[in-house]
Amino acid sequence: MADSKLNLSIVTPERHMVTDDVDQVNVPGTEGDMGILLDHSPLISTLRPGQLSYEKDGEEVALIVSDGYIEVTNNRVTVLAETAEFLNDIDHARAKEARKKAEDMIAKGGLEEEELREAQKKLFRALARLEYTKEN
């Protein structure tokens, strides 16, 4: 790794999404958005559904992530996300359908607490996917 770069790793349960040396990482934290630069203080935080982006040599790459964690230590940024998708890979129509299904589940009521939390997670993920994609 170059001394003037952050080492970024983005991992989901299904696959290793990104391993790269980058200039900056922007993360949707549960306490607010965070920008991580070289020599950032160590931290561990939780993620909320939203856009995670990183910059490398003047170019920005963006993904939508859901719940998870970020750890920053010694110029290494590790993101463990429940799900992650590159913006170009998101199917807008499918995201709209997922939003509708989640909204319908919540609206019908009668859900157990765990079922309600799961429906809310699906809704938040669908909304994050829709916020950053355009309809084709």
C-alpha atoms as a PDB file:
ATOM      1  CA  MET A   1       0.000   0.000   0.000  1.00  0.00           C
ATOM      2  CA  ALA A   2       1.248   3.452  -0.830  1.00  0.00           C
ATOM      3  CA  ASP A   3       1.925   5.555   2.281  1.00  0.00           C
ATOM      4  CA  SER A   4      -0.395   8.280   1.002  1.00  0.00           C
ATOM      5  CA  LYS A   5      -3.462   6.052   0.519  1.00  0.00           C
ATOM      6  CA  LEU A   6      -6.103   4.375   2.649  1.00  0.00           C
ATOM      7  CA  ASN A   7      -6.469   0.628   2.269  1.00  0.00           C
ATOM      8  CA  LEU A   8     -10.206  -0.009   1.754  1.00  0.00           C
ATOM      9  CA  SER A   9     -11.922  -3.362   2.112  1.00  0.00           C
ATOM     10  CA  ILE A  10     -15.709  -3.786   1.649  1.00  0.00           C
ATOM     11  CA  VAL A  11     -17.099  -7.206   2.519  1.00  0.00           C
ATOM     12  CA  THR A  12     -20.598  -8.721   2.609  1.00  0.00           C
ATOM     13  CA  PRO A  13     -21.578 -12.217   3.756  1.00  0.00           C
ATOM     14  CA  GLU A  14     -21.782 -13.214   0.072  1.00  0.00           C
ATOM     15  CA  ARG A  15     -18.536 -11.779  -1.271  1.00  0.00           C
ATOM     16  CA  HIS A  16     -15.558  -9.490  -0.999  1.00  0.00           C
ATOM     17  CA  MET A  17     -16.725  -6.395  -2.927  1.00  0.00           C
ATOM     18  CA  VAL A  18     -13.682  -4.091  -2.902  1.00  0.00           C
ATOM     19  CA  THR A  19     -10.030  -4.192  -1.941  1.00  0.00           C
ATOM     20  CA  ASP A  20      -8.216  -1.063  -3.090  1.00  0.00           C
ATOM     21  CA  ASP A  21      -5.937   1.779  -2.086  1.00  0.00           C
ATOM     22  CA  VAL A  22      -8.005   4.974  -2.130  1.00  0.00           C
ATOM     23  CA  ASP A  23      -7.796   8.664  -1.254  1.00  0.00           C
ATOM     24  CA  GLN A  24     -11.050   9.076   0.701  1.00  0.00           C
ATOM     25  CA  VAL A  25     -14.030   7.032   1.903  1.00  0.00           C
ATOM     26  CA  ASN A  26     -17.493   8.522   2.611  1.00  0.00           C
ATOM     27  CA  VAL A  27     -19.729   6.359   4.770  1.00  0.00           C
ATOM     28  CA  PRO A  28     -23.383   6.555   5.916  1.00  0.00           C
ATOM     29  CA  GLY A  29     -23.014   6.084   9.677  1.00  0.00           C
ATOM     30  CA  THR A  30     -25.945   5.698  12.018  1.00  0.00           C
ATOM     31  CA  GLU A  31     -24.850   8.905  13.776  1.00  0.00           C
ATOM     32  CA  GLY A  32     -24.353  10.780  10.491  1.00  0.00           C
ATOM     33  CA  ASP A  33     -22.234  10.687   7.354  1.00  0.00           C
ATOM     34  CA  MET A  34     -18.488  10.335   7.811  1.00  0.00           C
ATOM     35  CA  GLY A  35     -15.592  11.265   5.566  1.00  0.00           C
ATOM     36  CA  ILE A  36     -12.462   9.220   6.166  1.00  0.00           C
ATOM     37  CA  LEU A  37      -9.114  10.638   5.051  1.00  0.00           C
ATOM     38  CA  LEU A  38      -5.513   9.535   5.537  1.00  0.00           C
ATOM     39  CA  ASP A  39      -4.421   9.406   9.196  1.00  0.00           C
ATOM     40  CA  HIS A  40      -8.036   9.406  10.489  1.00  0.00           C
ATOM     41  CA  SER A  41      -8.403   8.613  14.176  1.00  0.00           C
ATOM     42  CA  PRO A  42      -9.270   4.982  14.940  1.00  0.00           C
ATOM     43  CA  LEU A  43     -12.993   4.314  15.124  1.00  0.00           C
ATOM     44  CA  ILE A  44     -15.633   1.638  15.039  1.00  0.00           C
ATOM     45  CA  SER A  45     -19.170   2.623  14.045  1.00  0.00           C
ATOM     46  CA  THR A  46     -22.392   1.166  12.728  1.00  0.00           C
ATOM     47  CA  LEU A  47     -23.743   1.796   9.228  1.00  0.00           C
ATOM     48  CA  ARG A  48     -27.209   2.789   8.127  1.00  0.00           C
ATOM     49  CA  PRO A  49     -28.639   2.042   4.668  1.00  0.00           C
ATOM     50  CA  GLY A  50     -27.303   4.611   2.212  1.00  0.00           C
ATOM     51  CA  GLN A  51     -24.568   5.542  -0.238  1.00  0.00           C
ATOM     52  CA  LEU A  52     -20.974   4.667   0.500  1.00  0.00           C
ATOM     53  CA  SER A  53     -18.475   6.192  -1.887  1.00  0.00           C
ATOM     54  CA  TYR A  54     -14.734   6.240  -2.277  1.00  0.00           C
ATOM     55  CA  GLU A  55     -12.383   8.387  -4.293  1.00  0.00           C
ATOM     56  CA  LYS A  56      -9.301   7.151  -6.060  1.00  0.00           C
ATOM     57  CA  ASP A  57      -7.123   9.320  -8.299  1.00  0.00           C
ATOM     58  CA  GLY A  58      -9.922  11.856  -8.830  1.00  0.00           C
ATOM     59  CA  GLU A  59     -12.635   9.312  -9.669  1.00  0.00           C
ATOM     60  CA  GLU A  60     -15.554   8.447  -7.409  1.00  0.00           C
ATOM     61  CA  VAL A  61     -17.084   4.983  -7.072  1.00  0.00           C
ATOM     62  CA  ALA A  62     -20.402   4.590  -5.248  1.00  0.00           C
ATOM     63  CA  LEU A  63     -22.252   1.683  -3.683  1.00  0.00           C
ATOM     64  CA  ILE A  64     -25.440   1.329  -1.701  1.00  0.00           C
ATOM     65  CA  VAL A  65     -24.872  -0.460   1.601  1.00  0.00           C
ATOM     66  CA  SER A  66     -27.253  -1.641   4.259  1.00  0.00           C
ATOM     67  CA  ASP A  67     -26.664  -2.259   7.928  1.00  0.00           C
ATOM     68  CA  GLY A  68     -23.197  -3.176   9.070  1.00  0.00           C
ATOM     69  CA  TYR A  69     -20.017  -1.847  10.622  1.00  0.00           C
ATOM     70  CA  ILE A  70     -16.973   0.228   9.735  1.00  0.00           C
ATOM     71  CA  GLU A  71     -13.591   0.053  11.405  1.00  0.00           C
ATOM     72  CA  VAL A  72     -10.809   2.563  10.787  1.00  0.00           C
ATOM     73  CA  THR A  73      -7.335   1.854  12.116  1.00  0.00           C
ATOM     74  CA  ASN A  74      -3.804   2.565  10.846  1.00  0.00           C
ATOM     75  CA  ASN A  75      -5.057   3.908   7.474  1.00  0.00           C
ATOM     76  CA  ARG A  76      -7.109   0.760   6.901  1.00  0.00           C
ATOM     77  CA  VAL A  77     -10.872   1.108   6.385  1.00  0.00           C
ATOM     78  CA  THR A  78     -12.848  -2.107   6.750  1.00  0.00           C
ATOM     79  CA  VAL A  79     -16.558  -2.109   5.931  1.00  0.00           C
ATOM     80  CA  LEU A  80     -18.627  -5.145   6.894  1.00  0.00           C
ATOM     81  CA  ALA A  81     -22.052  -4.631   5.310  1.00  0.00           C
ATOM     82  CA  GLU A  82     -25.104  -6.853   5.350  1.00  0.00           C
ATOM     83  CA  THR A  83     -25.527  -5.998   1.652  1.00  0.00           C
ATOM     84  CA  ALA A  84     -23.670  -3.822  -0.852  1.00  0.00           C
ATOM     85  CA  GLU A  85     -24.365  -3.066  -4.501  1.00  0.00           C
ATOM     86  CA  PHE A  86     -22.590  -0.851  -7.000  1.00  0.00           C
ATOM     87  CA  LEU A  87     -24.975   1.860  -8.232  1.00  0.00           C
ATOM     88  CA  ASN A  88     -24.736   0.590 -11.813  1.00  0.00           C
ATOM     89  CA  ASP A  89     -25.925  -2.860 -10.709  1.00  0.00           C
ATOM     90  CA  ILE A  90     -29.158  -1.702  -9.051  1.00  0.00           C
ATOM     91  CA  ASP A  91     -32.375  -2.573 -10.860  1.00  0.00           C
ATOM     92  CA  HIS A  92     -34.652   0.430 -10.223  1.00  0.00           C
ATOM     93  CA  ALA A  93     -37.877  -1.452 -11.020  1.00  0.00           C
ATOM     94  CA  ARG A  94     -36.925  -4.269  -8.657  1.00  0.00           C
ATOM     95  CA  ALA A  95     -36.103  -1.743  -5.918  1.00  0.00           C
ATOM     96  CA  LYS A  96     -39.528  -0.098  -6.387  1.00  0.00           C
ATOM     97  CA  GLU A  97     -41.217  -3.491  -6.071  1.00  0.00           C
ATOM     98  CA  ALA A  98     -39.238  -4.272  -2.893  1.00  0.00           C
ATOM     99  CA  ARG A  99     -40.319  -0.924  -1.426  1.00  0.00           C
ATOM    100  CA  LYS A 100     -43.980  -1.645  -2.214  1.00  0.00           C
ATOM    101  CA  LYS A 101     -43.840  -5.135  -0.684  1.00  0.00           C
ATOM    102  CA  ALA A 102     -42.236  -3.801   2.492  1.00  0.00           C
ATOM    103  CA  GLU A 103     -44.748  -0.937   2.759  1.00  0.00           C
ATOM    104  CA  ASP A 104     -47.638  -3.371   2.233  1.00  0.00           C
ATOM    105  CA  MET A 105     -46.336  -5.712   4.962  1.00  0.00           C
ATOM    106  CA  ILE A 106     -46.049  -2.838   7.430  1.00  0.00           C
ATOM    107  CA  ALA A 107     -49.447  -1.350   6.488  1.00  0.00           C
ATOM    108  CA  LYS A 108     -51.364  -4.601   6.930  1.00  0.00           C
ATOM    109  CA  GLY A 109     -50.320  -4.716  10.592  1.00  0.00           C
ATOM    110  CA  GLY A 110     -50.460  -7.704  12.900  1.00  0.00           C
ATOM    111  CA  LEU A 111     -46.736  -8.359  12.620  1.00  0.00           C
ATOM    112  CA  GLU A 112     -44.680  -9.739  15.456  1.00  0.00           C
ATOM    113  CA  GLU A 113     -41.915  -7.405  16.650  1.00  0.00           C
ATOM    114  CA  GLU A 114     -39.196  -9.323  14.776  1.00  0.00           C
ATOM    115  CA  GLU A 115     -41.272  -9.420  11.576  1.00  0.00           C
ATOM    116  CA  LEU A 116     -41.867  -5.678  11.817  1.00  0.00           C
ATOM    117  CA  ARG A 117     -38.137  -4.981  12.262  1.00  0.00           C
ATOM    118  CA  GLU A 118     -37.338  -7.136   9.231  1.00  0.00           C
ATOM    119  CA  ALA A 119     -39.973  -5.363   7.109  1.00  0.00           C
ATOM    120  CA  GLN A 120     -38.584  -1.994   8.204  1.00  0.00           C
ATOM    121  CA  LYS A 121     -35.034  -3.068   7.278  1.00  0.00           C
ATOM    122  CA  LYS A 122     -36.271  -4.100   3.831  1.00  0.00           C
ATOM    123  CA  LEU A 123     -38.060  -0.776   3.426  1.00  0.00           C
ATOM    124  CA  PHE A 124     -34.997   1.273   4.453  1.00  0.00           C
ATOM    125  CA  ARG A 125     -32.800  -0.708   2.067  1.00  0.00           C
ATOM    126  CA  ALA A 126     -35.235  -0.232  -0.829  1.00  0.00           C
ATOM    127  CA  LEU A 127     -35.499   3.502  -0.120  1.00  0.00           C
ATOM    128  CA  ALA A 128     -31.704   3.853  -0.071  1.00  0.00           C
ATOM    129  CA  ARG A 129     -31.457   1.984  -3.390  1.00  0.00           C
ATOM    130  CA  LEU A 130     -34.115   4.213  -4.960  1.00  0.00           C
ATOM    131  CA  GLU A 131     -32.671   7.470  -3.626  1.00  0.00           C
ATOM    132  CA  TYR A 132     -29.463   7.101  -5.638  1.00  0.00           C
ATOM    133  CA  THR A 133     -30.719   5.449  -8.826  1.00  0.00           C
ATOM    134  CA  LYS A 134     -32.697   6.748 -11.735  1.00  0.00           C
ATOM    135  CA  GLU A 135     -35.557   4.967 -13.416  1.00  0.00           C
ATOM    136  CA  ASN A 136     -34.425   3.430 -16.727  1.00  0.00           C
END
